[in-house]
Amino acid sequence: MDTTPLAAALASLLVGYAFGNFLTADVVARALTRKSAFQTGVGNPGMANIGHELGKGAALVVLAGDILKVVAAWVLCRTLFPGSTELAGNAAALATTLGHNFPVWHRFRGGKGVTTTCSAIILATPAIGITSCLFGLAVVIISGYLCYGAVAITLAYLVGSIFLAVVGVTSPPLVAFALVLCALMFVAHWSAIQAARNGTARRASISTKLRERLDLNG
C-alpha cells in the first residue's frame, strides 16, 4: 500500500490497538471457570494472575495468545505498508500494548502489558530486547517482585535504545518507542510498586522457586 509514513504510523496504531483489545486471559478464564479474568484472583487479565489461579497450562495459553497478537499486528502492518515497515511494525506493536492495557470494551481497564511489551521490543530490536527481558527476569529473581522486573525491562531497553541512537545505529523514533513503553509500564505497575515498597505485595512465585533452585535463600 502506497502511503506516507505518517499515515502508515496512524493506521498501524489503530490496527495494533484493535489487536490489543483481545485479552487472551479473559478468554481462558471464561473457558475454564465461566468467570471473567477480572473476577479471577487479583483481577489482572495477564499470565501471572491466570497462572497463579488456574495453573501452568492456562498461563502458557495466555502467554502464547498475548505474544501472537503482537506478532500478528506487527506482521500485518509491515505487510500493508512495505514503504514504512519499521515504523509500521513498531507502531502496531506499541499500540497492541495500549489496547491490552486500556481496552475500550472494558472501560479502558485492562492488563499490565508485560508480555506484549517484551514481544514488542524483541520484534523491534531482537538483541537489545532479549537482553532487556533477561535483565528484568534477573531483577524479579533478586527482588522477588514482578513489578520491579517489569519496569526494569523497559528501563534497560530505553537505555539501550538511547545508546543505539547516539552511536547512529538507529533513529530517534526508536527512542520515542522505548520511552512510551517505559511510561506505560510505570503507569501499569505504579500501585504494585507502592505495595512492594510497603511490604503488602504478593511475592512472585517464579522468584521463590528459582531462588530455591539456585540456593539463593540461604
N, C-alpha and C. Protein backbone atom coordinates (compact mmCIF):
# COMPACT_ATOMS: atom_id res chain seq x y z
N MET A 1 0.84 -1.19 0.00
CA MET A 1 0.00 0.00 0.00
C MET A 1 0.89 1.25 0.00
N ASP A 2 0.66 2.12 -0.98
CA ASP A 2 1.48 3.31 -1.13
C ASP A 2 0.88 4.42 -0.27
N THR A 3 1.59 4.83 0.76
CA THR A 3 1.08 5.85 1.66
C THR A 3 2.25 6.56 2.33
N THR A 4 1.97 7.67 2.99
CA THR A 4 3.02 8.42 3.67
C THR A 4 3.38 7.73 4.99
N PRO A 5 4.59 7.98 5.52
CA PRO A 5 4.97 7.39 6.81
C PRO A 5 4.00 7.74 7.93
N LEU A 6 3.50 8.98 7.94
CA LEU A 6 2.57 9.39 8.99
C LEU A 6 1.27 8.60 8.90
N ALA A 7 0.76 8.45 7.70
CA ALA A 7 -0.47 7.69 7.51
C ALA A 7 -0.27 6.23 7.89
N ALA A 8 0.90 5.68 7.53
CA ALA A 8 1.21 4.29 7.88
C ALA A 8 1.27 4.12 9.39
N ALA A 9 1.89 5.09 10.08
CA ALA A 9 2.01 5.01 11.53
C ALA A 9 0.64 5.09 12.20
N LEU A 10 -0.19 6.02 11.74
CA LEU A 10 -1.52 6.18 12.34
C LEU A 10 -2.39 4.96 12.10
N ALA A 11 -2.35 4.43 10.90
CA ALA A 11 -3.14 3.24 10.58
C ALA A 11 -2.64 2.05 11.40
N SER A 12 -1.34 1.94 11.56
CA SER A 12 -0.76 0.83 12.32
C SER A 12 -1.12 0.93 13.80
N LEU A 13 -1.18 2.16 14.32
CA LEU A 13 -1.61 2.35 15.70
C LEU A 13 -3.03 1.85 15.90
N LEU A 14 -3.90 2.13 14.95
CA LEU A 14 -5.29 1.68 15.04
C LEU A 14 -5.38 0.15 14.97
N VAL A 15 -4.63 -0.43 14.05
CA VAL A 15 -4.63 -1.89 13.90
C VAL A 15 -4.10 -2.56 15.17
N GLY A 16 -2.97 -2.06 15.67
CA GLY A 16 -2.39 -2.63 16.88
C GLY A 16 -3.32 -2.51 18.07
N TYR A 17 -3.97 -1.35 18.21
CA TYR A 17 -4.89 -1.15 19.33
C TYR A 17 -6.04 -2.15 19.26
N ALA A 18 -6.54 -2.39 18.05
CA ALA A 18 -7.63 -3.36 17.88
C ALA A 18 -7.18 -4.76 18.29
N PHE A 19 -6.00 -5.15 17.89
CA PHE A 19 -5.46 -6.47 18.27
C PHE A 19 -5.27 -6.55 19.79
N GLY A 20 -4.80 -5.46 20.38
CA GLY A 20 -4.55 -5.46 21.81
C GLY A 20 -5.80 -5.63 22.64
N ASN A 21 -6.95 -5.24 22.10
CA ASN A 21 -8.20 -5.36 22.83
C ASN A 21 -8.62 -6.81 23.05
N PHE A 22 -8.00 -7.73 22.32
CA PHE A 22 -8.27 -9.15 22.54
C PHE A 22 -7.45 -9.61 23.75
N LEU A 23 -8.11 -9.85 24.87
CA LEU A 23 -7.43 -10.26 26.10
C LEU A 23 -7.48 -11.78 26.22
N THR A 24 -6.39 -12.43 25.92
CA THR A 24 -6.33 -13.89 25.96
C THR A 24 -6.70 -14.42 27.34
N ALA A 25 -6.26 -13.75 28.37
CA ALA A 25 -6.52 -14.20 29.73
C ALA A 25 -8.01 -14.26 30.03
N ASP A 26 -8.76 -13.31 29.49
CA ASP A 26 -10.20 -13.29 29.73
C ASP A 26 -10.87 -14.48 29.04
N VAL A 27 -10.42 -14.79 27.83
CA VAL A 27 -10.96 -15.93 27.10
C VAL A 27 -10.66 -17.23 27.85
N VAL A 28 -9.42 -17.38 28.32
CA VAL A 28 -9.03 -18.60 29.04
C VAL A 28 -9.80 -18.72 30.34
N ALA A 29 -9.91 -17.63 31.08
CA ALA A 29 -10.63 -17.67 32.35
C ALA A 29 -12.09 -18.04 32.16
N ARG A 30 -12.73 -17.47 31.16
CA ARG A 30 -14.13 -17.78 30.91
C ARG A 30 -14.31 -19.23 30.46
N ALA A 31 -13.36 -19.71 29.67
CA ALA A 31 -13.45 -21.09 29.19
C ALA A 31 -13.29 -22.10 30.33
N LEU A 32 -12.43 -21.80 31.29
CA LEU A 32 -12.14 -22.75 32.36
C LEU A 32 -13.02 -22.58 33.60
N THR A 33 -13.46 -21.36 33.86
CA THR A 33 -14.19 -21.11 35.11
C THR A 33 -15.56 -20.47 34.91
N ARG A 34 -15.86 -20.08 33.67
CA ARG A 34 -17.09 -19.35 33.36
C ARG A 34 -17.12 -17.97 34.04
N LYS A 35 -15.98 -17.52 34.48
CA LYS A 35 -15.85 -16.19 35.08
C LYS A 35 -14.83 -15.39 34.29
N SER A 36 -14.97 -14.08 34.32
CA SER A 36 -14.02 -13.20 33.64
C SER A 36 -12.67 -13.23 34.35
N ALA A 37 -11.63 -12.90 33.62
CA ALA A 37 -10.30 -12.78 34.24
C ALA A 37 -10.31 -11.67 35.27
N PHE A 38 -11.18 -10.69 35.09
CA PHE A 38 -11.28 -9.58 36.03
C PHE A 38 -11.92 -10.00 37.35
N GLN A 39 -12.52 -11.20 37.36
CA GLN A 39 -13.13 -11.75 38.57
C GLN A 39 -12.30 -12.91 39.12
N THR A 40 -11.12 -13.07 38.59
CA THR A 40 -10.25 -14.20 38.97
C THR A 40 -9.01 -13.69 39.69
N GLY A 41 -8.73 -14.24 40.85
CA GLY A 41 -7.53 -13.85 41.59
C GLY A 41 -7.51 -12.37 41.92
N VAL A 42 -6.42 -11.72 41.52
CA VAL A 42 -6.29 -10.27 41.78
C VAL A 42 -6.97 -9.43 40.71
N GLY A 43 -7.58 -10.10 39.74
CA GLY A 43 -8.34 -9.37 38.73
C GLY A 43 -7.55 -8.85 37.56
N ASN A 44 -6.30 -9.24 37.44
CA ASN A 44 -5.48 -8.78 36.32
C ASN A 44 -5.55 -9.79 35.16
N PRO A 45 -5.93 -9.35 33.96
CA PRO A 45 -6.02 -10.27 32.83
C PRO A 45 -4.67 -10.54 32.19
N GLY A 46 -3.80 -11.18 32.96
CA GLY A 46 -2.46 -11.47 32.47
C GLY A 46 -2.00 -12.86 32.86
N MET A 47 -0.85 -13.24 32.34
CA MET A 47 -0.32 -14.58 32.54
C MET A 47 -0.07 -14.90 34.01
N ALA A 48 0.51 -13.98 34.76
CA ALA A 48 0.88 -14.25 36.14
C ALA A 48 -0.35 -14.56 37.00
N ASN A 49 -1.38 -13.76 36.86
CA ASN A 49 -2.59 -13.97 37.64
C ASN A 49 -3.29 -15.27 37.26
N ILE A 50 -3.41 -15.51 35.96
CA ILE A 50 -4.07 -16.73 35.49
C ILE A 50 -3.27 -17.96 35.89
N GLY A 51 -1.95 -17.87 35.79
CA GLY A 51 -1.11 -18.99 36.19
C GLY A 51 -1.23 -19.30 37.67
N HIS A 52 -1.27 -18.25 38.48
CA HIS A 52 -1.39 -18.43 39.93
C HIS A 52 -2.72 -19.07 40.30
N GLU A 53 -3.78 -18.69 39.59
CA GLU A 53 -5.12 -19.18 39.94
C GLU A 53 -5.53 -20.45 39.21
N LEU A 54 -5.10 -20.61 37.95
CA LEU A 54 -5.60 -21.71 37.13
C LEU A 54 -4.52 -22.68 36.65
N GLY A 55 -3.27 -22.44 37.00
CA GLY A 55 -2.22 -23.40 36.69
C GLY A 55 -1.34 -23.03 35.51
N LYS A 56 -0.26 -23.80 35.37
CA LYS A 56 0.75 -23.51 34.34
C LYS A 56 0.20 -23.64 32.93
N GLY A 57 -0.67 -24.64 32.70
CA GLY A 57 -1.21 -24.82 31.35
C GLY A 57 -1.98 -23.61 30.88
N ALA A 58 -2.81 -23.07 31.76
CA ALA A 58 -3.58 -21.88 31.42
C ALA A 58 -2.66 -20.69 31.20
N ALA A 59 -1.62 -20.59 32.02
CA ALA A 59 -0.67 -19.49 31.88
C ALA A 59 0.04 -19.54 30.53
N LEU A 60 0.40 -20.73 30.09
CA LEU A 60 1.09 -20.87 28.81
C LEU A 60 0.19 -20.48 27.64
N VAL A 61 -1.10 -20.80 27.75
CA VAL A 61 -2.04 -20.41 26.69
C VAL A 61 -2.15 -18.89 26.63
N VAL A 62 -2.22 -18.25 27.80
CA VAL A 62 -2.28 -16.79 27.85
C VAL A 62 -1.00 -16.18 27.27
N LEU A 63 0.14 -16.73 27.66
CA LEU A 63 1.42 -16.25 27.14
C LEU A 63 1.46 -16.34 25.62
N ALA A 64 1.07 -17.50 25.09
CA ALA A 64 1.10 -17.70 23.64
C ALA A 64 0.15 -16.74 22.92
N GLY A 65 -1.04 -16.57 23.48
CA GLY A 65 -2.01 -15.68 22.86
C GLY A 65 -1.57 -14.23 22.85
N ASP A 66 -0.98 -13.79 23.96
CA ASP A 66 -0.54 -12.40 24.04
C ASP A 66 0.65 -12.12 23.14
N ILE A 67 1.53 -13.11 22.99
CA ILE A 67 2.65 -12.96 22.04
C ILE A 67 2.11 -12.93 20.61
N LEU A 68 1.19 -13.85 20.33
CA LEU A 68 0.67 -13.98 18.97
C LEU A 68 -0.02 -12.71 18.49
N LYS A 69 -0.76 -12.03 19.38
CA LYS A 69 -1.48 -10.84 18.90
C LYS A 69 -0.52 -9.71 18.56
N VAL A 70 0.60 -9.62 19.26
CA VAL A 70 1.61 -8.61 18.92
C VAL A 70 2.27 -8.95 17.59
N VAL A 71 2.65 -10.21 17.44
CA VAL A 71 3.30 -10.64 16.21
C VAL A 71 2.36 -10.47 15.02
N ALA A 72 1.10 -10.82 15.20
CA ALA A 72 0.12 -10.71 14.11
C ALA A 72 -0.06 -9.26 13.68
N ALA A 73 -0.18 -8.35 14.64
CA ALA A 73 -0.32 -6.93 14.31
C ALA A 73 0.93 -6.40 13.62
N TRP A 74 2.09 -6.80 14.14
CA TRP A 74 3.38 -6.37 13.58
C TRP A 74 3.53 -6.84 12.13
N VAL A 75 3.26 -8.12 11.88
CA VAL A 75 3.40 -8.68 10.53
C VAL A 75 2.39 -8.05 9.58
N LEU A 76 1.15 -7.91 10.03
CA LEU A 76 0.10 -7.35 9.17
C LEU A 76 0.45 -5.93 8.74
N CYS A 77 0.87 -5.10 9.68
CA CYS A 77 1.15 -3.71 9.34
C CYS A 77 2.40 -3.55 8.49
N ARG A 78 3.39 -4.36 8.73
CA ARG A 78 4.59 -4.33 7.88
C ARG A 78 4.25 -4.77 6.46
N THR A 79 3.30 -5.69 6.34
CA THR A 79 2.87 -6.15 5.02
C THR A 79 2.03 -5.11 4.31
N LEU A 80 1.17 -4.43 5.07
CA LEU A 80 0.30 -3.41 4.48
C LEU A 80 1.08 -2.17 4.03
N PHE A 81 2.16 -1.87 4.75
CA PHE A 81 2.92 -0.64 4.47
C PHE A 81 4.39 -0.97 4.20
N PRO A 82 4.68 -1.58 3.05
CA PRO A 82 6.06 -2.00 2.74
C PRO A 82 7.04 -0.85 2.63
N GLY A 83 6.54 0.36 2.42
CA GLY A 83 7.44 1.51 2.34
C GLY A 83 7.85 2.06 3.69
N SER A 84 7.19 1.59 4.75
CA SER A 84 7.49 2.07 6.10
C SER A 84 7.43 0.90 7.07
N THR A 85 8.14 -0.17 6.74
CA THR A 85 8.00 -1.40 7.51
C THR A 85 8.38 -1.25 8.98
N GLU A 86 9.52 -0.61 9.24
CA GLU A 86 9.97 -0.48 10.63
C GLU A 86 9.01 0.39 11.43
N LEU A 87 8.63 1.52 10.88
CA LEU A 87 7.72 2.43 11.56
C LEU A 87 6.36 1.77 11.79
N ALA A 88 5.85 1.11 10.76
CA ALA A 88 4.54 0.47 10.87
C ALA A 88 4.55 -0.67 11.88
N GLY A 89 5.59 -1.48 11.84
CA GLY A 89 5.68 -2.59 12.78
C GLY A 89 5.79 -2.15 14.21
N ASN A 90 6.64 -1.16 14.45
CA ASN A 90 6.81 -0.66 15.82
C ASN A 90 5.56 0.03 16.34
N ALA A 91 4.89 0.79 15.47
CA ALA A 91 3.66 1.46 15.87
C ALA A 91 2.58 0.44 16.22
N ALA A 92 2.49 -0.62 15.43
CA ALA A 92 1.50 -1.66 15.68
C ALA A 92 1.79 -2.40 16.99
N ALA A 93 3.05 -2.73 17.22
CA ALA A 93 3.43 -3.44 18.45
C ALA A 93 3.18 -2.58 19.68
N LEU A 94 3.52 -1.30 19.57
CA LEU A 94 3.28 -0.37 20.67
C LEU A 94 1.80 -0.26 20.98
N ALA A 95 1.00 -0.09 19.94
CA ALA A 95 -0.44 0.08 20.13
C ALA A 95 -1.11 -1.19 20.64
N THR A 96 -0.52 -2.34 20.38
CA THR A 96 -1.08 -3.58 20.93
C THR A 96 -1.00 -3.56 22.44
N THR A 97 0.09 -3.04 22.97
CA THR A 97 0.20 -2.89 24.43
C THR A 97 -0.82 -1.87 24.94
N LEU A 98 -1.01 -0.79 24.20
CA LEU A 98 -2.03 0.20 24.58
C LEU A 98 -3.41 -0.44 24.65
N GLY A 99 -3.73 -1.24 23.63
CA GLY A 99 -5.03 -1.90 23.61
C GLY A 99 -5.17 -2.93 24.71
N HIS A 100 -4.08 -3.60 25.03
CA HIS A 100 -4.09 -4.60 26.10
C HIS A 100 -4.28 -3.93 27.46
N ASN A 101 -3.59 -2.83 27.68
CA ASN A 101 -3.67 -2.12 28.96
C ASN A 101 -4.95 -1.31 29.11
N PHE A 102 -5.44 -0.78 27.98
CA PHE A 102 -6.62 0.10 28.04
C PHE A 102 -7.65 -0.33 26.99
N PRO A 103 -8.26 -1.50 27.16
CA PRO A 103 -9.25 -1.98 26.18
C PRO A 103 -10.53 -1.15 26.23
N VAL A 104 -10.99 -0.73 25.06
CA VAL A 104 -12.16 0.13 25.01
C VAL A 104 -13.41 -0.58 25.52
N TRP A 105 -13.49 -1.88 25.34
CA TRP A 105 -14.69 -2.61 25.72
C TRP A 105 -14.77 -2.84 27.24
N HIS A 106 -13.69 -2.60 27.97
CA HIS A 106 -13.73 -2.77 29.42
C HIS A 106 -13.44 -1.44 30.12
N ARG A 107 -13.97 -0.38 29.55
CA ARG A 107 -13.83 0.97 30.12
C ARG A 107 -12.35 1.33 30.35
N PHE A 108 -11.52 0.89 29.41
CA PHE A 108 -10.10 1.23 29.40
C PHE A 108 -9.35 0.71 30.63
N ARG A 109 -9.81 -0.37 31.20
CA ARG A 109 -9.13 -1.03 32.32
C ARG A 109 -8.76 -2.44 31.89
N GLY A 110 -7.46 -2.69 31.69
CA GLY A 110 -7.02 -3.98 31.20
C GLY A 110 -5.85 -4.54 31.97
N GLY A 111 -4.91 -5.13 31.24
CA GLY A 111 -3.77 -5.77 31.87
C GLY A 111 -2.60 -4.83 32.08
N LYS A 112 -1.46 -5.42 32.38
CA LYS A 112 -0.27 -4.63 32.68
C LYS A 112 0.73 -4.60 31.51
N GLY A 113 0.52 -5.44 30.52
CA GLY A 113 1.29 -5.35 29.29
C GLY A 113 2.72 -5.84 29.32
N VAL A 114 3.05 -6.75 30.24
CA VAL A 114 4.43 -7.22 30.29
C VAL A 114 4.77 -8.08 29.07
N THR A 115 3.92 -9.06 28.80
CA THR A 115 4.19 -9.95 27.66
C THR A 115 4.15 -9.19 26.35
N THR A 116 3.16 -8.31 26.18
CA THR A 116 3.07 -7.56 24.93
C THR A 116 4.26 -6.62 24.76
N THR A 117 4.72 -6.03 25.85
CA THR A 117 5.89 -5.14 25.78
C THR A 117 7.14 -5.92 25.42
N CYS A 118 7.34 -7.06 26.07
CA CYS A 118 8.51 -7.88 25.75
C CYS A 118 8.49 -8.32 24.29
N SER A 119 7.32 -8.70 23.81
CA SER A 119 7.20 -9.10 22.40
C SER A 119 7.53 -7.93 21.49
N ALA A 120 7.03 -6.75 21.85
CA ALA A 120 7.26 -5.57 21.01
C ALA A 120 8.73 -5.21 20.91
N ILE A 121 9.43 -5.21 22.03
CA ILE A 121 10.84 -4.78 21.99
C ILE A 121 11.73 -5.83 21.33
N ILE A 122 11.36 -7.10 21.45
CA ILE A 122 12.14 -8.15 20.79
C ILE A 122 11.95 -8.07 19.27
N LEU A 123 10.73 -7.78 18.84
CA LEU A 123 10.48 -7.62 17.41
C LEU A 123 11.19 -6.39 16.86
N ALA A 124 11.23 -5.32 17.65
CA ALA A 124 11.84 -4.07 17.18
C ALA A 124 13.35 -4.19 17.05
N THR A 125 14.01 -4.66 18.11
CA THR A 125 15.47 -4.83 18.12
C THR A 125 15.78 -6.09 18.93
N PRO A 126 15.87 -7.23 18.27
CA PRO A 126 15.98 -8.52 18.97
C PRO A 126 17.06 -8.59 20.04
N ALA A 127 18.27 -8.17 19.73
CA ALA A 127 19.38 -8.31 20.69
C ALA A 127 19.13 -7.53 21.97
N ILE A 128 18.80 -6.25 21.82
CA ILE A 128 18.56 -5.42 23.00
C ILE A 128 17.27 -5.83 23.69
N GLY A 129 16.28 -6.22 22.92
CA GLY A 129 15.01 -6.65 23.50
C GLY A 129 15.17 -7.88 24.37
N ILE A 130 15.87 -8.89 23.87
CA ILE A 130 16.09 -10.11 24.64
C ILE A 130 16.94 -9.84 25.87
N THR A 131 17.99 -9.04 25.68
CA THR A 131 18.85 -8.70 26.82
C THR A 131 18.07 -7.98 27.91
N SER A 132 17.21 -7.06 27.52
CA SER A 132 16.40 -6.31 28.48
C SER A 132 15.44 -7.23 29.23
N CYS A 133 14.85 -8.19 28.52
CA CYS A 133 13.93 -9.14 29.16
C CYS A 133 14.66 -10.02 30.16
N LEU A 134 15.86 -10.45 29.81
CA LEU A 134 16.65 -11.27 30.73
C LEU A 134 17.07 -10.45 31.96
N PHE A 135 17.38 -9.19 31.73
CA PHE A 135 17.71 -8.30 32.85
C PHE A 135 16.52 -8.17 33.79
N GLY A 136 15.33 -8.00 33.22
CA GLY A 136 14.12 -7.90 34.02
C GLY A 136 13.86 -9.16 34.81
N LEU A 137 14.11 -10.32 34.21
CA LEU A 137 13.94 -11.59 34.91
C LEU A 137 14.89 -11.68 36.10
N ALA A 138 16.11 -11.24 35.89
CA ALA A 138 17.09 -11.25 36.99
C ALA A 138 16.62 -10.36 38.14
N VAL A 139 16.04 -9.21 37.80
CA VAL A 139 15.54 -8.30 38.83
C VAL A 139 14.39 -8.94 39.60
N VAL A 140 13.53 -9.67 38.91
CA VAL A 140 12.43 -10.37 39.58
C VAL A 140 12.98 -11.40 40.56
N ILE A 141 13.96 -12.17 40.12
CA ILE A 141 14.54 -13.21 40.98
C ILE A 141 15.19 -12.60 42.21
N ILE A 142 15.91 -11.52 42.02
CA ILE A 142 16.63 -10.89 43.12
C ILE A 142 15.68 -10.16 44.08
N SER A 143 14.73 -9.41 43.51
CA SER A 143 13.84 -8.59 44.33
C SER A 143 12.64 -9.36 44.87
N GLY A 144 12.20 -10.34 44.09
CA GLY A 144 11.02 -11.10 44.49
C GLY A 144 9.71 -10.52 44.00
N TYR A 145 9.78 -9.43 43.22
CA TYR A 145 8.56 -8.76 42.78
C TYR A 145 8.53 -8.59 41.26
N LEU A 146 7.40 -9.00 40.67
CA LEU A 146 7.24 -8.87 39.23
C LEU A 146 7.25 -7.41 38.78
N CYS A 147 6.69 -6.53 39.60
CA CYS A 147 6.60 -5.12 39.20
C CYS A 147 7.98 -4.50 39.00
N TYR A 148 8.94 -4.84 39.86
CA TYR A 148 10.29 -4.31 39.71
C TYR A 148 10.94 -4.84 38.42
N GLY A 149 10.74 -6.10 38.16
CA GLY A 149 11.30 -6.67 36.94
C GLY A 149 10.68 -6.08 35.69
N ALA A 150 9.37 -5.82 35.75
CA ALA A 150 8.67 -5.26 34.59
C ALA A 150 9.22 -3.89 34.22
N VAL A 151 9.36 -3.01 35.20
CA VAL A 151 9.86 -1.67 34.88
C VAL A 151 11.35 -1.73 34.52
N ALA A 152 12.07 -2.70 35.09
CA ALA A 152 13.50 -2.84 34.76
C ALA A 152 13.68 -3.19 33.29
N ILE A 153 12.75 -3.98 32.74
CA ILE A 153 12.82 -4.36 31.33
C ILE A 153 12.79 -3.12 30.45
N THR A 154 11.81 -2.26 30.70
CA THR A 154 11.67 -1.09 29.83
C THR A 154 12.74 -0.03 30.09
N LEU A 155 13.21 0.06 31.31
CA LEU A 155 14.30 0.99 31.59
C LEU A 155 15.58 0.56 30.86
N ALA A 156 15.87 -0.75 30.94
CA ALA A 156 17.05 -1.27 30.25
C ALA A 156 16.93 -1.06 28.74
N TYR A 157 15.72 -1.30 28.23
CA TYR A 157 15.51 -1.13 26.79
C TYR A 157 15.64 0.34 26.38
N LEU A 158 15.16 1.23 27.22
CA LEU A 158 15.27 2.66 26.93
C LEU A 158 16.74 3.09 26.88
N VAL A 159 17.52 2.62 27.84
CA VAL A 159 18.96 2.94 27.86
C VAL A 159 19.63 2.39 26.61
N GLY A 160 19.29 1.16 26.24
CA GLY A 160 19.88 0.55 25.04
C GLY A 160 19.49 1.29 23.78
N SER A 161 18.25 1.75 23.71
CA SER A 161 17.78 2.49 22.53
C SER A 161 18.47 3.83 22.41
N ILE A 162 18.65 4.50 23.54
CA ILE A 162 19.36 5.79 23.53
C ILE A 162 20.80 5.60 23.06
N PHE A 163 21.43 4.54 23.53
CA PHE A 163 22.81 4.25 23.12
C PHE A 163 22.88 4.03 21.61
N LEU A 164 21.94 3.24 21.08
CA LEU A 164 21.94 2.98 19.63
C LEU A 164 21.73 4.26 18.84
N ALA A 165 20.87 5.15 19.36
CA ALA A 165 20.64 6.41 18.66
C ALA A 165 21.87 7.30 18.70
N VAL A 166 22.57 7.32 19.83
CA VAL A 166 23.76 8.15 19.99
C VAL A 166 24.87 7.71 19.04
N VAL A 167 25.05 6.41 18.90
CA VAL A 167 26.12 5.90 18.03
C VAL A 167 25.69 5.84 16.57
N GLY A 168 24.44 6.20 16.31
CA GLY A 168 23.98 6.28 14.94
C GLY A 168 23.52 4.97 14.32
N VAL A 169 23.30 3.96 15.15
CA VAL A 169 22.85 2.66 14.62
C VAL A 169 21.37 2.70 14.29
N THR A 170 20.62 3.47 15.04
CA THR A 170 19.19 3.57 14.81
C THR A 170 18.75 5.02 14.85
N SER A 171 17.47 5.26 14.62
CA SER A 171 16.95 6.63 14.54
C SER A 171 16.19 7.00 15.81
N PRO A 172 15.98 8.30 16.04
CA PRO A 172 15.26 8.75 17.24
C PRO A 172 13.88 8.14 17.46
N PRO A 173 13.12 7.79 16.39
CA PRO A 173 11.81 7.18 16.64
C PRO A 173 11.87 5.94 17.55
N LEU A 174 12.97 5.20 17.51
CA LEU A 174 13.08 4.03 18.38
C LEU A 174 13.15 4.46 19.84
N VAL A 175 13.81 5.59 20.10
CA VAL A 175 13.88 6.11 21.47
C VAL A 175 12.48 6.50 21.95
N ALA A 176 11.71 7.13 21.07
CA ALA A 176 10.34 7.50 21.42
C ALA A 176 9.50 6.26 21.69
N PHE A 177 9.68 5.24 20.87
CA PHE A 177 9.01 3.95 21.05
C PHE A 177 9.34 3.36 22.42
N ALA A 178 10.62 3.38 22.79
CA ALA A 178 11.06 2.85 24.07
C ALA A 178 10.55 3.68 25.24
N LEU A 179 10.54 5.00 25.05
CA LEU A 179 10.10 5.90 26.12
C LEU A 179 8.62 5.71 26.43
N VAL A 180 7.80 5.57 25.40
CA VAL A 180 6.36 5.37 25.61
C VAL A 180 6.10 4.04 26.30
N LEU A 181 6.79 2.99 25.88
CA LEU A 181 6.62 1.69 26.52
C LEU A 181 7.05 1.74 27.98
N CYS A 182 8.11 2.48 28.25
CA CYS A 182 8.59 2.64 29.62
C CYS A 182 7.54 3.35 30.47
N ALA A 183 6.97 4.42 29.93
CA ALA A 183 5.94 5.16 30.65
C ALA A 183 4.72 4.29 30.90
N LEU A 184 4.31 3.52 29.91
CA LEU A 184 3.16 2.63 30.07
C LEU A 184 3.41 1.60 31.17
N MET A 185 4.63 1.09 31.23
CA MET A 185 4.95 0.08 32.23
C MET A 185 4.91 0.67 33.64
N PHE A 186 5.43 1.88 33.79
CA PHE A 186 5.39 2.52 35.10
C PHE A 186 3.95 2.79 35.54
N VAL A 187 3.12 3.26 34.61
CA VAL A 187 1.72 3.53 34.93
C VAL A 187 1.01 2.24 35.35
N ALA A 188 1.25 1.17 34.59
CA ALA A 188 0.58 -0.10 34.87
C ALA A 188 1.00 -0.72 36.20
N HIS A 189 2.23 -0.46 36.62
CA HIS A 189 2.76 -1.13 37.82
C HIS A 189 2.96 -0.19 39.01
N TRP A 190 2.52 1.05 38.90
CA TRP A 190 2.80 2.00 39.97
C TRP A 190 2.19 1.57 41.30
N SER A 191 0.95 1.12 41.29
CA SER A 191 0.31 0.70 42.55
C SER A 191 1.01 -0.53 43.12
N ALA A 192 1.45 -1.44 42.24
CA ALA A 192 2.17 -2.64 42.71
C ALA A 192 3.52 -2.27 43.29
N ILE A 193 4.18 -1.29 42.70
CA ILE A 193 5.47 -0.82 43.21
C ILE A 193 5.29 -0.25 44.62
N GLN A 194 4.24 0.54 44.80
CA GLN A 194 3.96 1.11 46.12
C GLN A 194 3.67 0.01 47.13
N ALA A 195 2.92 -1.02 46.72
CA ALA A 195 2.60 -2.13 47.60
C ALA A 195 3.86 -2.93 47.96
N ALA A 196 4.75 -3.09 46.99
CA ALA A 196 6.00 -3.80 47.24
C ALA A 196 6.86 -3.03 48.23
N ARG A 197 6.90 -1.73 48.08
CA ARG A 197 7.68 -0.89 49.00
C ARG A 197 7.11 -0.93 50.41
N ASN A 198 5.79 -1.10 50.50
CA ASN A 198 5.14 -1.17 51.81
C ASN A 198 5.12 -2.57 52.40
N GLY A 199 5.58 -3.55 51.60
CA GLY A 199 5.61 -4.93 52.07
C GLY A 199 4.28 -5.63 52.03
N THR A 200 3.32 -5.10 51.26
CA THR A 200 2.00 -5.71 51.19
C THR A 200 1.74 -6.44 49.88
N ALA A 201 2.69 -6.40 48.95
CA ALA A 201 2.51 -7.06 47.66
C ALA A 201 2.85 -8.54 47.74
N ARG A 202 2.17 -9.33 46.91
CA ARG A 202 2.45 -10.76 46.86
C ARG A 202 3.75 -10.99 46.10
N ARG A 203 4.62 -11.80 46.67
CA ARG A 203 5.89 -12.10 46.00
C ARG A 203 5.65 -13.03 44.82
N ALA A 204 6.47 -12.88 43.81
CA ALA A 204 6.33 -13.68 42.60
C ALA A 204 6.74 -15.12 42.85
N SER A 205 5.89 -16.06 42.46
CA SER A 205 6.19 -17.48 42.67
C SER A 205 7.43 -17.89 41.89
N ILE A 206 7.63 -17.29 40.71
CA ILE A 206 8.81 -17.63 39.91
C ILE A 206 10.08 -17.26 40.66
N SER A 207 10.03 -16.17 41.40
CA SER A 207 11.20 -15.75 42.17
C SER A 207 11.49 -16.75 43.29
N THR A 208 10.45 -17.14 44.01
CA THR A 208 10.62 -18.08 45.12
C THR A 208 11.19 -19.40 44.64
N LYS A 209 10.62 -19.92 43.55
CA LYS A 209 11.04 -21.23 43.04
C LYS A 209 12.47 -21.18 42.48
N LEU A 210 12.77 -20.13 41.72
CA LEU A 210 14.10 -20.05 41.13
C LEU A 210 15.17 -19.80 42.19
N ARG A 211 14.82 -18.99 43.18
CA ARG A 211 15.78 -18.75 44.27
C ARG A 211 16.06 -20.04 45.05
N GLU A 212 15.04 -20.88 45.21
CA GLU A 212 15.23 -22.16 45.88
C GLU A 212 16.13 -23.08 45.04
N ARG A 213 15.88 -23.11 43.74
CA ARG A 213 16.68 -23.96 42.86
C ARG A 213 18.14 -23.50 42.78
N LEU A 214 18.30 -22.18 42.83
CA LEU A 214 19.66 -21.62 42.75
C LEU A 214 20.30 -21.46 44.12
N ASP A 215 19.56 -21.89 45.15
CA ASP A 215 20.04 -21.83 46.52
C ASP A 215 20.43 -20.40 46.92
N LEU A 216 19.49 -19.47 46.64
CA LEU A 216 19.75 -18.06 46.95
C LEU A 216 19.05 -17.61 48.23
N ASN A 217 18.34 -18.51 48.87
CA ASN A 217 17.59 -18.12 50.06
C ASN A 217 18.38 -18.33 51.37
N GLY A 218 19.48 -19.04 51.25
CA GLY A 218 20.24 -19.33 52.45
C GLY A 218 21.15 -18.21 52.84
